[in-house]
PDB file of N, CA and C in Angstrom:
ATOM      1  N   UNK A   1       0.779  -1.380   0.038  1.00  0.00           N
ATOM      2  CA  UNK A   1      -0.005  -0.111   0.063  1.00  0.00           C
ATOM      3  C   UNK A   1       0.971   1.287  -0.024  1.00  0.00           C
ATOM      4  N   UNK A   2       1.902   1.407   0.765  1.00  0.00           N
ATOM      5  CA  UNK A   2       2.756   2.315   0.499  1.00  0.00           C
ATOM      6  C   UNK A   2       3.321   2.820  -1.064  1.00  0.00           C
ATOM      7  N   UNK A   3       3.497   1.634  -1.498  1.00  0.00           N
ATOM      8  CA  UNK A   3       4.402   1.558  -2.795  1.00  0.00           C
ATOM      9  C   UNK A   3       3.153   2.147  -3.670  1.00  0.00           C
ATOM     10  N   UNK A   4       2.117   1.745  -3.335  1.00  0.00           N
ATOM     11  CA  UNK A   4       0.590   2.723  -4.367  1.00  0.00           C
ATOM     12  C   UNK A   4       0.569   3.763  -3.962  1.00  0.00           C
ATOM     13  N   UNK A   5       1.063   4.518  -2.630  1.00  0.00           N
ATOM     14  CA  UNK A   5       0.583   5.785  -2.555  1.00  0.00           C
ATOM     15  C   UNK A   5       1.632   6.456  -2.946  1.00  0.00           C
ATOM     16  N   UNK A   6       2.813   5.826  -3.022  1.00  0.00           N
ATOM     17  CA  UNK A   6       4.027   6.574  -3.933  1.00  0.00           C
ATOM     18  C   UNK A   6       3.791   6.636  -5.332  1.00  0.00           C
ATOM     19  N   UNK A   7       3.142   5.657  -5.898  1.00  0.00           N
ATOM     20  CA  UNK A   7       3.347   5.465  -7.541  1.00  0.00           C
ATOM     21  C   UNK A   7       2.318   6.700  -7.843  1.00  0.00           C
ATOM     22  N   UNK A   8       1.181   7.130  -6.911  1.00  0.00           N
ATOM     23  CA  UNK A   8       0.581   8.621  -7.156  1.00  0.00           C
ATOM     24  C   UNK A   8       0.725   9.829  -7.313  1.00  0.00           C
ATOM     25  N   UNK A   9       2.246   9.871  -6.371  1.00  0.00           N
ATOM     26  CA  UNK A   9       3.015  10.939  -6.209  1.00  0.00           C
ATOM     27  C   UNK A   9       4.329  11.189  -7.380  1.00  0.00           C
ATOM     28  N   UNK A  10       4.866  12.252  -7.165  1.00  0.00           N
ATOM     29  CA  UNK A  10       5.873  12.713  -7.683  1.00  0.00           C
ATOM     30  C   UNK A  10       7.529  11.924  -7.335  1.00  0.00           C
ATOM     31  N   UNK A  11       7.941  11.354  -8.114  1.00  0.00           N
ATOM     32  CA  UNK A  11       9.190  10.546  -7.718  1.00  0.00           C
ATOM     33  C   UNK A  11      10.207  11.543  -8.003  1.00  0.00           C
ATOM     34  N   UNK A  12       9.797  12.921  -7.753  1.00  0.00           N
ATOM     35  CA  UNK A  12      10.990  13.948  -7.665  1.00  0.00           C
ATOM     36  C   UNK A  12      11.785  14.723  -6.624  1.00  0.00           C
ATOM     37  N   UNK A  13      13.070  13.997  -6.084  1.00  0.00           N
ATOM     38  CA  UNK A  13      13.496  13.829  -4.772  1.00  0.00           C
ATOM     39  C   UNK A  13      13.545  15.481  -4.383  1.00  0.00           C
ATOM     40  N   UNK A  14      13.946  16.201  -5.629  1.00  0.00           N
ATOM     41  CA  UNK A  14      14.157  17.742  -4.953  1.00  0.00           C
ATOM     42  C   UNK A  14      12.939  18.379  -4.866  1.00  0.00           C
ATOM     43  N   UNK A  15      11.663  18.029  -5.054  1.00  0.00           N
ATOM     44  CA  UNK A  15      10.460  18.221  -4.509  1.00  0.00           C
ATOM     45  C   UNK A  15      10.040  17.914  -3.260  1.00  0.00           C
ATOM     46  N   UNK A  16      10.358  16.576  -3.077  1.00  0.00           N
ATOM     47  CA  UNK A  16      10.117  16.381  -1.777  1.00  0.00           C
ATOM     48  C   UNK A  16      11.434  16.835  -0.668  1.00  0.00           C
ATOM     49  N   UNK A  17      12.564  17.234  -0.897  1.00  0.00           N
ATOM     50  CA  UNK A  17      13.013  17.577  -0.181  1.00  0.00           C
ATOM     51  C   UNK A  17      12.993  19.261   0.215  1.00  0.00           C
ATOM     52  N   UNK A  18      12.482  19.877  -0.707  1.00  0.00           N
ATOM     53  CA  UNK A  18      11.712  21.247  -0.296  1.00  0.00           C
ATOM     54  C   UNK A  18      10.540  21.211   0.410  1.00  0.00           C
ATOM     55  N   UNK A  19       9.550  20.144   0.237  1.00  0.00           N
ATOM     56  CA  UNK A  19       8.621  19.713   1.072  1.00  0.00           C
ATOM     57  C   UNK A  19       9.107  19.285   2.765  1.00  0.00           C
ATOM     58  N   UNK A  20      10.180  18.582   2.585  1.00  0.00           N
ATOM     59  CA  UNK A  20      10.160  18.035   4.282  1.00  0.00           C
ATOM     60  C   UNK A  20      11.170  19.492   4.579  1.00  0.00           C
ATOM     61  N   UNK A  21      11.868  20.503   4.231  1.00  0.00           N
ATOM     62  CA  UNK A  21      12.491  21.383   4.442  1.00  0.00           C
ATOM     63  C   UNK A  21      11.264  22.333   5.051  1.00  0.00           C
ATOM     64  N   UNK A  22      10.444  22.413   4.275  1.00  0.00           N
ATOM     65  CA  UNK A  22       9.495  23.198   5.200  1.00  0.00           C
ATOM     66  C   UNK A  22       8.570  22.805   5.840  1.00  0.00           C
ATOM     67  N   UNK A  23       8.032  21.183   5.749  1.00  0.00           N
ATOM     68  CA  UNK A  23       6.718  20.980   6.698  1.00  0.00           C
ATOM     69  C   UNK A  23       7.313  19.354   7.295  1.00  0.00           C
ATOM     70  N   UNK A  24       6.712  18.603   8.148  1.00  0.00           N
ATOM     71  CA  UNK A  24       6.920  17.495   8.683  1.00  0.00           C
ATOM     72  C   UNK A  24       6.192  16.587   8.471  1.00  0.00           C
ATOM     73  N   UNK A  25       6.678  15.933   7.343  1.00  0.00           N
ATOM     74  CA  UNK A  25       6.315  14.664   6.592  1.00  0.00           C
ATOM     75  C   UNK A  25       5.906  13.348   7.725  1.00  0.00           C
ATOM     76  N   UNK A  26       4.778  12.816   7.379  1.00  0.00           N
ATOM     77  CA  UNK A  26       4.718  11.683   8.424  1.00  0.00           C
ATOM     78  C   UNK A  26       3.685  10.666   7.780  1.00  0.00           C
ATOM     79  N   UNK A  27       4.557   9.424   7.471  1.00  0.00           N
ATOM     80  CA  UNK A  27       3.621   8.364   6.990  1.00  0.00           C
ATOM     81  C   UNK A  27       3.171   7.457   8.050  1.00  0.00           C
ATOM     82  N   UNK A  28       1.823   7.296   8.393  1.00  0.00           N
ATOM     83  CA  UNK A  28       1.213   6.588   9.630  1.00  0.00           C
ATOM     84  C   UNK A  28       0.771   5.714   9.235  1.00  0.00           C
ATOM     85  N   UNK A  29       1.007   4.734   9.457  1.00  0.00           N
ATOM     86  CA  UNK A  29       0.184   3.130   9.412  1.00  0.00           C
ATOM     87  C   UNK A  29      -0.432   2.372  10.618  1.00  0.00           C
ATOM     88  N   UNK A  30      -1.608   1.863  10.490  1.00  0.00           N
ATOM     89  CA  UNK A  30      -2.101   1.330  11.184  1.00  0.00           C
ATOM     90  C   UNK A  30      -1.975   0.060  11.269  1.00  0.00           C
ATOM     91  N   UNK A  31      -1.688  -1.047  12.242  1.00  0.00           N
ATOM     92  CA  UNK A  31      -1.323  -2.698  11.808  1.00  0.00           C
ATOM     93  C   UNK A  31      -2.450  -3.230  12.801  1.00  0.00           C
ATOM     94  N   UNK A  32      -3.377  -4.189  12.113  1.00  0.00           N
ATOM     95  CA  UNK A  32      -4.417  -4.580  12.849  1.00  0.00           C
ATOM     96  C   UNK A  32      -3.666  -6.415  13.140  1.00  0.00           C
ATOM     97  N   UNK A  33      -2.886  -6.895  13.456  1.00  0.00           N
ATOM     98  CA  UNK A  33      -2.541  -7.941  13.847  1.00  0.00           C
ATOM     99  C   UNK A  33      -3.241  -9.211  14.175  1.00  0.00           C
ATOM    100  N   UNK A  34      -3.531 -10.350  13.568  1.00  0.00           N
ATOM    101  CA  UNK A  34      -4.265 -11.616  13.398  1.00  0.00           C
ATOM    102  C   UNK A  34      -3.697 -12.201  15.094  1.00  0.00           C
ATOM    103  N   UNK A  35      -2.436 -12.025  15.180  1.00  0.00           N
ATOM    104  CA  UNK A  35      -2.220 -13.326  16.146  1.00  0.00           C
ATOM    105  C   UNK A  35      -0.741 -12.500  17.054  1.00  0.00           C
ATOM    106  N   UNK A  36      -0.695 -13.006  17.939  1.00  0.00           N
ATOM    107  CA  UNK A  36       0.142 -12.536  19.083  1.00  0.00           C
ATOM    108  C   UNK A  36       1.461 -12.673  18.724  1.00  0.00           C
ATOM    109  N   UNK A  37       2.745 -11.816  18.671  1.00  0.00           N
ATOM    110  CA  UNK A  37       3.828 -11.779  18.427  1.00  0.00           C
ATOM    111  C   UNK A  37       3.913 -12.171  16.898  1.00  0.00           C
ATOM    112  N   UNK A  38       3.087 -11.593  15.938  1.00  0.00           N
ATOM    113  CA  UNK A  38       2.980 -11.472  14.487  1.00  0.00           C
ATOM    114  C   UNK A  38       3.592 -10.290  14.190  1.00  0.00           C
ATOM    115  N   UNK A  39       4.618 -10.883  13.003  1.00  0.00           N
ATOM    116  CA  UNK A  39       5.400  -9.170  12.868  1.00  0.00           C
ATOM    117  C   UNK A  39       5.359  -9.077  11.501  1.00  0.00           C
ATOM    118  N   UNK A  40       6.182  -8.101  11.044  1.00  0.00           N
ATOM    119  CA  UNK A  40       6.191  -7.067   9.857  1.00  0.00           C
ATOM    120  C   UNK A  40       7.264  -6.825   9.079  1.00  0.00           C
ATOM    121  N   UNK A  41       7.326  -7.136   8.042  1.00  0.00           N
ATOM    122  CA  UNK A  41       8.361  -6.841   7.094  1.00  0.00           C
ATOM    123  C   UNK A  41       8.424  -5.575   6.285  1.00  0.00           C
ATOM    124  N   UNK A  42       9.482  -4.421   5.653  1.00  0.00           N
ATOM    125  CA  UNK A  42       9.428  -3.685   4.695  1.00  0.00           C
ATOM    126  C   UNK A  42      10.463  -4.064   3.789  1.00  0.00           C
ATOM    127  N   UNK A  43      10.342  -4.152   2.785  1.00  0.00           N
ATOM    128  CA  UNK A  43      11.399  -4.289   1.419  1.00  0.00           C
ATOM    129  C   UNK A  43      12.322  -3.155   1.732  1.00  0.00           C
ATOM    130  N   UNK A  44      13.413  -3.428   1.404  1.00  0.00           N
ATOM    131  CA  UNK A  44      14.361  -2.331   1.228  1.00  0.00           C
ATOM    132  C   UNK A  44      14.103  -1.119   0.488  1.00  0.00           C
ATOM    133  N   UNK A  45      13.447  -1.555  -0.981  1.00  0.00           N
ATOM    134  CA  UNK A  45      13.088  -0.082  -1.596  1.00  0.00           C
ATOM    135  C   UNK A  45      11.866   0.726  -1.067  1.00  0.00           C
ATOM    136  N   UNK A  46      10.738   0.041  -0.101  1.00  0.00           N
ATOM    137  CA  UNK A  46       9.696   0.743   0.307  1.00  0.00           C
ATOM    138  C   UNK A  46      10.750   1.901   1.105  1.00  0.00           C
ATOM    139  N   UNK A  47      11.724   1.334   2.551  1.00  0.00           N
ATOM    140  CA  UNK A  47      12.238   1.978   3.402  1.00  0.00           C
ATOM    141  C   UNK A  47      12.831   2.962   2.883  1.00  0.00           C
ATOM    142  N   UNK A  48      13.256   2.648   1.494  1.00  0.00           N
ATOM    143  CA  UNK A  48      13.958   4.060   0.823  1.00  0.00           C
ATOM    144  C   UNK A  48      13.649   4.680   0.409  1.00  0.00           C
ATOM    145  N   UNK A  49      11.847   4.327  -0.334  1.00  0.00           N
ATOM    146  CA  UNK A  49      11.271   5.329  -0.547  1.00  0.00           C
ATOM    147  C   UNK A  49      10.439   5.993   0.535  1.00  0.00           C
ATOM    148  N   UNK A  50      10.611   5.870   1.356  1.00  0.00           N
ATOM    149  CA  UNK A  50      10.286   6.573   2.697  1.00  0.00           C
ATOM    150  C   UNK A  50      11.544   7.941   3.200  1.00  0.00           C
ATOM    151  N   UNK A  51      12.400   7.181   3.484  1.00  0.00           N
ATOM    152  CA  UNK A  51      13.913   7.892   3.906  1.00  0.00           C
ATOM    153  C   UNK A  51      14.209   8.751   2.753  1.00  0.00           C
ATOM    154  N   UNK A  52      13.938   8.532   1.574  1.00  0.00           N
ATOM    155  CA  UNK A  52      14.199   9.399   0.490  1.00  0.00           C
ATOM    156  C   UNK A  52      13.474  10.664   0.035  1.00  0.00           C
ATOM    157  N   UNK A  53      12.354  10.276   0.519  1.00  0.00           N
ATOM    158  CA  UNK A  53      11.316  11.696   0.616  1.00  0.00           C
ATOM    159  C   UNK A  53      11.121  12.303   1.961  1.00  0.00           C
ATOM    160  N   UNK A  54      11.984  12.048   2.540  1.00  0.00           N
ATOM    161  CA  UNK A  54      12.215  12.557   3.992  1.00  0.00           C
ATOM    162  C   UNK A  54      11.539  12.625   4.884  1.00  0.00           C
ATOM    163  N   UNK A  55      10.622  11.280   5.087  1.00  0.00           N
ATOM    164  CA  UNK A  55       9.349  10.799   5.775  1.00  0.00           C
ATOM    165  C   UNK A  55       9.669  10.133   6.946  1.00  0.00           C
ATOM    166  N   UNK A  56       8.897  10.488   7.709  1.00  0.00           N
ATOM    167  CA  UNK A  56       8.695   9.699   9.428  1.00  0.00           C
ATOM    168  C   UNK A  56       8.182   8.635   8.917  1.00  0.00           C
ATOM    169  N   UNK A  57       8.318   7.595   9.702  1.00  0.00           N
ATOM    170  CA  UNK A  57       7.323   6.488   9.288  1.00  0.00           C
ATOM    171  C   UNK A  57       7.028   6.163  11.063  1.00  0.00           C
ATOM    172  N   UNK A  58       5.479   6.238  11.207  1.00  0.00           N
ATOM    173  CA  UNK A  58       5.013   5.973  12.365  1.00  0.00           C
ATOM    174  C   UNK A  58       3.874   5.074  12.162  1.00  0.00           C
ATOM    175  N   UNK A  59       3.654   3.956  13.447  1.00  0.00           N
ATOM    176  CA  UNK A  59       3.057   2.716  13.422  1.00  0.00           C
ATOM    177  C   UNK A  59       1.936   2.644  14.637  1.00  0.00           C
ATOM    178  N   UNK A  60       0.943   2.276  14.541  1.00  0.00           N
ATOM    179  CA  UNK A  60      -0.008   1.961  15.487  1.00  0.00           C
ATOM    180  C   UNK A  60      -0.226   0.777  15.727  1.00  0.00           C
ATOM    181  N   UNK A  61      -0.067  -0.244  16.463  1.00  0.00           N
ATOM    182  CA  UNK A  61      -0.143  -1.446  16.348  1.00  0.00           C
ATOM    183  C   UNK A  61      -1.596  -2.426  17.224  1.00  0.00           C
ATOM    184  N   UNK A  62      -2.303  -3.011  16.841  1.00  0.00           N
ATOM    185  CA  UNK A  62      -3.285  -3.659  17.246  1.00  0.00           C
ATOM    186  C   UNK A  62      -3.223  -4.891  17.534  1.00  0.00           C
ATOM    187  N   UNK A  63      -3.093  -5.785  18.642  1.00  0.00           N
ATOM    188  CA  UNK A  63      -2.831  -7.173  18.551  1.00  0.00           C
ATOM    189  C   UNK A  63      -4.289  -8.005  18.298  1.00  0.00           C
ATOM    190  N   UNK A  64      -4.584  -9.015  18.749  1.00  0.00           N
ATOM    191  CA  UNK A  64      -5.660  -9.899  18.310  1.00  0.00           C
ATOM    192  C   UNK A  64      -6.593 -10.022  19.144  1.00  0.00           C
ATOM    193  N   UNK A  65      -6.213  -9.471  20.706  1.00  0.00           N
ATOM    194  CA  UNK A  65      -6.673 -10.023  21.835  1.00  0.00           C
ATOM    195  C   UNK A  65      -8.280  -8.921  22.055  1.00  0.00           C
ATOM    196  N   UNK A  66      -9.458  -9.803  21.974  1.00  0.00           N
ATOM    197  CA  UNK A  66     -10.577  -9.033  22.254  1.00  0.00           C
ATOM    198  C   UNK A  66     -10.609  -8.424  23.435  1.00  0.00           C
ATOM    199  N   UNK A  67     -11.421  -7.603  23.757  1.00  0.00           N
ATOM    200  CA  UNK A  67     -11.525  -7.219  25.290  1.00  0.00           C
ATOM    201  C   UNK A  67     -12.814  -7.523  25.516  1.00  0.00           C
TER     202      UNK A  67
END
């Protein structure tokens, strides 16, 4: 989904550098896990896309335990 989001936006990193110098960019993800101790992997190119644009990556992680 992160790649799909970036596919719709400019790949010009100079534009991203300008934006990140003026604003604090934040990519926020909510993760809803199906099992306890479930993991998450980010591919190196996805991490590069986020970092190359000067964005922070934030997660809210929810476990599968029902209240």
